[in-house]
N, C-alpha and C. Protein backbone atom coordinates (compact mmCIF):
# COMPACT_ATOMS: atom_id res chain seq x y z
N MET A 1 -104.35 -69.14 -71.60
CA MET A 1 -105.78 -69.27 -71.47
C MET A 1 -106.54 -68.26 -72.33
N MET A 2 -106.03 -67.05 -72.39
CA MET A 2 -106.72 -66.03 -73.17
C MET A 2 -106.71 -66.37 -74.65
N GLY A 3 -105.68 -67.05 -75.11
CA GLY A 3 -105.59 -67.39 -76.52
C GLY A 3 -106.71 -68.31 -76.97
N ARG A 4 -107.08 -69.25 -76.11
CA ARG A 4 -108.16 -70.18 -76.47
C ARG A 4 -109.50 -69.46 -76.60
N LYS A 5 -109.76 -68.56 -75.65
CA LYS A 5 -111.02 -67.81 -75.72
C LYS A 5 -111.06 -66.96 -76.97
N LYS A 6 -109.93 -66.37 -77.31
CA LYS A 6 -109.88 -65.53 -78.50
C LYS A 6 -110.09 -66.37 -79.76
N GLU A 7 -109.48 -67.58 -79.77
CA GLU A 7 -109.64 -68.48 -80.92
C GLU A 7 -111.10 -68.91 -81.07
N LYS A 8 -111.74 -69.23 -79.95
CA LYS A 8 -113.15 -69.63 -80.01
C LYS A 8 -114.00 -68.49 -80.54
N GLY A 9 -113.70 -67.28 -80.09
CA GLY A 9 -114.44 -66.13 -80.57
C GLY A 9 -114.23 -65.90 -82.06
N GLN A 10 -113.00 -66.12 -82.52
CA GLN A 10 -112.72 -65.93 -83.94
C GLN A 10 -113.43 -66.99 -84.78
N HIS A 11 -113.45 -68.23 -84.30
CA HIS A 11 -114.16 -69.29 -85.02
C HIS A 11 -115.66 -68.99 -85.08
N ARG A 12 -116.19 -68.49 -83.96
CA ARG A 12 -117.61 -68.15 -83.92
C ARG A 12 -117.90 -67.00 -84.89
N ASP A 13 -117.01 -66.01 -84.93
CA ASP A 13 -117.19 -64.89 -85.85
C ASP A 13 -117.12 -65.34 -87.30
N LYS A 14 -116.18 -66.25 -87.59
CA LYS A 14 -116.06 -66.76 -88.97
C LYS A 14 -117.32 -67.52 -89.38
N ALA A 15 -117.85 -68.33 -88.47
CA ALA A 15 -119.07 -69.08 -88.76
C ALA A 15 -120.25 -68.14 -88.96
N PHE A 16 -120.30 -67.10 -88.15
CA PHE A 16 -121.37 -66.12 -88.27
C PHE A 16 -121.29 -65.39 -89.61
N LEU A 17 -120.09 -64.98 -89.99
CA LEU A 17 -119.91 -64.29 -91.27
C LEU A 17 -120.23 -65.22 -92.44
N TRP A 18 -119.86 -66.49 -92.32
CA TRP A 18 -120.17 -67.47 -93.37
C TRP A 18 -121.68 -67.60 -93.54
N ALA A 19 -122.41 -67.66 -92.41
CA ALA A 19 -123.87 -67.78 -92.47
C ALA A 19 -124.49 -66.52 -93.08
N ILE A 20 -123.98 -65.36 -92.70
CA ILE A 20 -124.50 -64.10 -93.25
C ILE A 20 -124.26 -64.04 -94.75
N ARG A 21 -123.07 -64.42 -95.20
CA ARG A 21 -122.77 -64.42 -96.63
C ARG A 21 -123.69 -65.38 -97.39
N GLY A 22 -123.93 -66.54 -96.81
CA GLY A 22 -124.83 -67.50 -97.44
C GLY A 22 -126.24 -66.96 -97.57
N LEU A 23 -126.74 -66.33 -96.50
CA LEU A 23 -128.08 -65.76 -96.56
C LEU A 23 -128.17 -64.63 -97.58
N LEU A 24 -127.13 -63.80 -97.65
CA LEU A 24 -127.13 -62.72 -98.64
C LEU A 24 -127.08 -63.27 -100.06
N GLN A 25 -126.36 -64.36 -100.25
CA GLN A 25 -126.29 -64.97 -101.58
C GLN A 25 -127.66 -65.54 -101.98
N ILE A 26 -128.33 -66.19 -101.05
CA ILE A 26 -129.67 -66.72 -101.31
C ILE A 26 -130.63 -65.57 -101.61
N GLN A 27 -130.53 -64.51 -100.84
CA GLN A 27 -131.40 -63.35 -101.06
C GLN A 27 -131.14 -62.73 -102.43
N SER A 28 -129.89 -62.63 -102.81
CA SER A 28 -129.54 -62.06 -104.11
C SER A 28 -130.07 -62.93 -105.26
N ARG A 29 -129.93 -64.24 -105.13
CA ARG A 29 -130.44 -65.14 -106.16
C ARG A 29 -131.96 -65.04 -106.28
N TRP A 30 -132.63 -64.97 -105.13
CA TRP A 30 -134.09 -64.85 -105.14
C TRP A 30 -134.51 -63.54 -105.81
N ALA A 31 -133.83 -62.45 -105.47
CA ALA A 31 -134.17 -61.15 -106.07
C ALA A 31 -133.95 -61.17 -107.58
N ASP A 32 -132.85 -61.78 -108.02
CA ASP A 32 -132.59 -61.88 -109.46
C ASP A 32 -133.68 -62.70 -110.16
N TRP A 33 -134.07 -63.81 -109.57
CA TRP A 33 -135.10 -64.67 -110.15
C TRP A 33 -136.43 -63.92 -110.23
N MET A 34 -136.80 -63.23 -109.15
CA MET A 34 -138.05 -62.47 -109.15
C MET A 34 -138.00 -61.34 -110.18
N GLU A 35 -136.85 -60.71 -110.33
CA GLU A 35 -136.70 -59.64 -111.32
C GLU A 35 -136.93 -60.18 -112.73
N ARG A 36 -136.35 -61.34 -113.03
CA ARG A 36 -136.53 -61.95 -114.35
C ARG A 36 -137.99 -62.32 -114.60
N LYS A 37 -138.67 -62.83 -113.58
CA LYS A 37 -140.05 -63.27 -113.74
C LYS A 37 -141.03 -62.11 -113.88
N THR A 38 -140.70 -60.96 -113.32
CA THR A 38 -141.65 -59.85 -113.32
C THR A 38 -141.26 -58.72 -114.26
N GLU A 39 -140.19 -58.85 -115.02
CA GLU A 39 -139.75 -57.74 -115.86
C GLU A 39 -140.70 -57.48 -117.03
N ASN A 40 -141.51 -58.43 -117.41
CA ASN A 40 -142.42 -58.26 -118.54
C ASN A 40 -143.81 -57.76 -118.14
N ILE A 41 -144.03 -57.53 -116.86
CA ILE A 41 -145.34 -57.06 -116.40
C ILE A 41 -145.38 -55.54 -116.53
N SER A 42 -146.42 -55.04 -117.18
CA SER A 42 -146.53 -53.59 -117.42
C SER A 42 -146.99 -52.86 -116.15
N ALA A 43 -146.86 -51.54 -116.18
CA ALA A 43 -147.28 -50.72 -115.05
C ALA A 43 -148.79 -50.83 -114.83
N ARG A 44 -149.53 -50.93 -115.91
CA ARG A 44 -150.99 -51.07 -115.81
C ARG A 44 -151.35 -52.40 -115.13
N ALA A 45 -150.65 -53.46 -115.49
CA ALA A 45 -150.91 -54.77 -114.88
C ALA A 45 -150.58 -54.73 -113.39
N TRP A 46 -149.48 -54.05 -113.02
CA TRP A 46 -149.12 -53.91 -111.61
C TRP A 46 -150.22 -53.16 -110.86
N ALA A 47 -150.76 -52.11 -111.47
CA ALA A 47 -151.82 -51.34 -110.83
C ALA A 47 -153.08 -52.19 -110.64
N VAL A 48 -153.41 -53.00 -111.63
CA VAL A 48 -154.58 -53.88 -111.52
C VAL A 48 -154.35 -54.92 -110.43
N LEU A 49 -153.16 -55.49 -110.37
CA LEU A 49 -152.84 -56.47 -109.32
C LEU A 49 -152.92 -55.84 -107.94
N LEU A 50 -152.38 -54.63 -107.81
CA LEU A 50 -152.43 -53.94 -106.52
C LEU A 50 -153.86 -53.63 -106.12
N ALA A 51 -154.65 -53.13 -107.05
CA ALA A 51 -156.05 -52.82 -106.76
C ALA A 51 -156.81 -54.09 -106.36
N GLY A 52 -156.57 -55.19 -107.06
CA GLY A 52 -157.21 -56.45 -106.72
C GLY A 52 -156.83 -56.92 -105.32
N PHE A 53 -155.56 -56.80 -104.99
CA PHE A 53 -155.10 -57.19 -103.65
C PHE A 53 -155.76 -56.34 -102.58
N VAL A 54 -155.84 -55.03 -102.81
CA VAL A 54 -156.45 -54.13 -101.84
C VAL A 54 -157.94 -54.45 -101.67
N VAL A 55 -158.64 -54.68 -102.77
CA VAL A 55 -160.08 -54.98 -102.70
C VAL A 55 -160.31 -56.30 -101.95
N ILE A 56 -159.53 -57.31 -102.27
CA ILE A 56 -159.70 -58.61 -101.60
C ILE A 56 -159.37 -58.49 -100.11
N SER A 57 -158.29 -57.80 -99.78
CA SER A 57 -157.91 -57.63 -98.37
C SER A 57 -158.96 -56.85 -97.60
N ALA A 58 -159.43 -55.76 -98.18
CA ALA A 58 -160.46 -54.95 -97.51
C ALA A 58 -161.75 -55.75 -97.35
N GLY A 59 -162.13 -56.51 -98.35
CA GLY A 59 -163.33 -57.33 -98.25
C GLY A 59 -163.21 -58.39 -97.17
N PHE A 60 -162.08 -59.04 -97.10
CA PHE A 60 -161.88 -60.06 -96.07
C PHE A 60 -161.90 -59.45 -94.68
N ASN A 61 -161.22 -58.31 -94.50
CA ASN A 61 -161.22 -57.66 -93.19
C ASN A 61 -162.61 -57.17 -92.80
N THR A 62 -163.35 -56.66 -93.76
CA THR A 62 -164.73 -56.24 -93.49
C THR A 62 -165.57 -57.44 -93.07
N TRP A 63 -165.41 -58.56 -93.76
CA TRP A 63 -166.14 -59.77 -93.39
C TRP A 63 -165.78 -60.22 -91.98
N LEU A 64 -164.48 -60.18 -91.63
CA LEU A 64 -164.06 -60.58 -90.28
C LEU A 64 -164.69 -59.69 -89.21
N ILE A 65 -164.68 -58.39 -89.45
CA ILE A 65 -165.27 -57.47 -88.48
C ILE A 65 -166.77 -57.71 -88.36
N TRP A 66 -167.46 -57.85 -89.48
CA TRP A 66 -168.90 -58.09 -89.46
C TRP A 66 -169.22 -59.41 -88.75
N HIS A 67 -168.47 -60.42 -89.04
CA HIS A 67 -168.70 -61.74 -88.43
C HIS A 67 -168.47 -61.69 -86.92
N SER A 68 -167.47 -60.95 -86.48
CA SER A 68 -167.19 -60.90 -85.05
C SER A 68 -168.21 -60.05 -84.29
N LEU A 69 -168.77 -59.03 -84.94
CA LEU A 69 -169.72 -58.16 -84.26
C LEU A 69 -171.17 -58.60 -84.39
N SER A 70 -171.47 -59.47 -85.33
CA SER A 70 -172.87 -59.86 -85.55
C SER A 70 -173.41 -60.68 -84.39
N GLY A 71 -172.59 -61.49 -83.75
CA GLY A 71 -173.02 -62.24 -82.57
C GLY A 71 -174.02 -63.33 -82.85
N ARG A 72 -174.09 -63.82 -84.06
CA ARG A 72 -175.04 -64.88 -84.39
C ARG A 72 -174.61 -66.22 -83.80
N GLU A 73 -173.34 -66.44 -83.74
CA GLU A 73 -172.84 -67.72 -83.24
C GLU A 73 -172.46 -67.60 -81.77
N GLN A 74 -172.35 -68.75 -81.13
CA GLN A 74 -171.96 -68.78 -79.73
C GLN A 74 -170.49 -68.36 -79.61
N GLN A 75 -170.19 -67.62 -78.58
CA GLN A 75 -168.83 -67.15 -78.37
C GLN A 75 -167.91 -68.33 -78.01
N GLU A 76 -166.71 -68.29 -78.53
CA GLU A 76 -165.74 -69.36 -78.27
C GLU A 76 -165.17 -69.25 -76.86
N VAL A 77 -165.01 -68.03 -76.36
CA VAL A 77 -164.42 -67.81 -75.05
C VAL A 77 -165.51 -67.30 -74.12
N SER A 78 -165.65 -67.94 -72.98
CA SER A 78 -166.65 -67.49 -72.03
C SER A 78 -165.97 -66.80 -70.85
N VAL A 79 -166.66 -65.84 -70.28
CA VAL A 79 -166.13 -65.09 -69.15
C VAL A 79 -166.84 -65.58 -67.90
N THR A 80 -166.08 -66.02 -66.93
CA THR A 80 -166.65 -66.48 -65.67
C THR A 80 -166.13 -65.58 -64.55
N PRO A 81 -166.96 -65.29 -63.56
CA PRO A 81 -166.51 -64.43 -62.46
C PRO A 81 -165.48 -65.15 -61.60
N VAL A 82 -164.57 -64.38 -61.07
CA VAL A 82 -163.54 -64.92 -60.19
C VAL A 82 -164.12 -65.04 -58.80
N GLN A 83 -163.92 -66.19 -58.17
CA GLN A 83 -164.43 -66.39 -56.82
C GLN A 83 -163.30 -66.17 -55.82
N LYS A 84 -163.63 -65.44 -54.77
CA LYS A 84 -162.63 -65.14 -53.75
C LYS A 84 -162.43 -66.38 -52.87
N PRO A 85 -161.17 -66.80 -52.65
CA PRO A 85 -160.92 -67.95 -51.78
C PRO A 85 -161.35 -67.64 -50.34
N GLY A 86 -161.68 -68.68 -49.60
CA GLY A 86 -162.15 -68.51 -48.23
C GLY A 86 -161.10 -67.98 -47.28
N HIS A 87 -159.84 -68.28 -47.51
CA HIS A 87 -158.79 -67.86 -46.58
C HIS A 87 -158.29 -66.44 -46.85
N ILE A 88 -158.87 -65.75 -47.79
CA ILE A 88 -158.36 -64.43 -48.16
C ILE A 88 -158.65 -63.38 -47.07
N THR A 89 -159.67 -63.61 -46.24
CA THR A 89 -160.01 -62.63 -45.21
C THR A 89 -159.10 -62.72 -44.00
N ARG A 90 -158.41 -63.83 -43.82
CA ARG A 90 -157.49 -63.96 -42.69
C ARG A 90 -156.16 -63.32 -43.05
N PRO A 91 -155.47 -62.70 -42.10
CA PRO A 91 -154.21 -62.02 -42.42
C PRO A 91 -153.06 -62.97 -42.72
N GLY A 92 -153.09 -64.18 -42.23
CA GLY A 92 -152.03 -65.13 -42.51
C GLY A 92 -150.87 -65.06 -41.54
N ASN A 93 -151.00 -64.26 -40.49
CA ASN A 93 -149.91 -64.13 -39.53
C ASN A 93 -149.65 -65.44 -38.80
N GLU A 94 -150.69 -66.23 -38.58
CA GLU A 94 -150.48 -67.49 -37.86
C GLU A 94 -149.59 -68.43 -38.64
N VAL A 95 -149.63 -68.38 -39.95
CA VAL A 95 -148.77 -69.23 -40.76
C VAL A 95 -147.34 -68.70 -40.71
N LEU A 96 -147.17 -67.39 -40.83
CA LEU A 96 -145.83 -66.80 -40.78
C LEU A 96 -145.19 -66.98 -39.42
N ASP A 97 -145.98 -66.85 -38.36
CA ASP A 97 -145.44 -67.00 -37.02
C ASP A 97 -144.87 -68.38 -36.80
N SER A 98 -145.47 -69.38 -37.40
CA SER A 98 -144.98 -70.74 -37.21
C SER A 98 -143.77 -71.04 -38.08
N LEU A 99 -143.58 -70.32 -39.18
CA LEU A 99 -142.49 -70.59 -40.09
C LEU A 99 -141.22 -69.79 -39.81
N VAL A 100 -141.36 -68.58 -39.30
CA VAL A 100 -140.22 -67.69 -39.12
C VAL A 100 -139.96 -67.50 -37.63
N LYS A 101 -138.69 -67.62 -37.27
CA LYS A 101 -138.32 -67.44 -35.87
C LYS A 101 -138.33 -65.95 -35.54
N ASP A 102 -138.71 -65.63 -34.30
CA ASP A 102 -138.76 -64.24 -33.87
C ASP A 102 -137.37 -63.61 -33.84
N SER A 103 -136.34 -64.41 -33.63
CA SER A 103 -134.98 -63.86 -33.55
C SER A 103 -134.55 -63.26 -34.89
N LEU A 104 -135.10 -63.74 -35.99
CA LEU A 104 -134.75 -63.19 -37.30
C LEU A 104 -135.29 -61.78 -37.47
N PHE A 105 -136.42 -61.47 -36.83
CA PHE A 105 -137.01 -60.15 -36.94
C PHE A 105 -136.52 -59.22 -35.83
N GLY A 106 -135.75 -59.73 -34.90
CA GLY A 106 -135.27 -58.91 -33.80
C GLY A 106 -136.28 -58.78 -32.68
N LYS A 107 -137.33 -59.56 -32.70
CA LYS A 107 -138.34 -59.51 -31.65
C LYS A 107 -137.95 -60.47 -30.54
N LYS A 108 -138.29 -60.11 -29.30
CA LYS A 108 -138.00 -60.99 -28.17
C LYS A 108 -139.22 -61.21 -27.33
């Protein structure tokens, strides 16, 4: 019996290793392709691209914050007060007394 479990574990490990190797191969191919595509970009061009990305990201985030705080539009989510149910003031012992036998609690 132990041999079968060990064999299943080994097959599972082999499949896992096969999947990991495949993912690493895909990752390596992608990195090589990206390296070839970007090897001709100068340091100055990278700096300009980075600065552009930062400016666009900061502008978009500033717009989001301004839009959310301006309050010009109706809010999508409304807050409603929670209403207390009518039975909340009763202790509920009458329900428990009918469901649980006194012998279970040791009462006589």
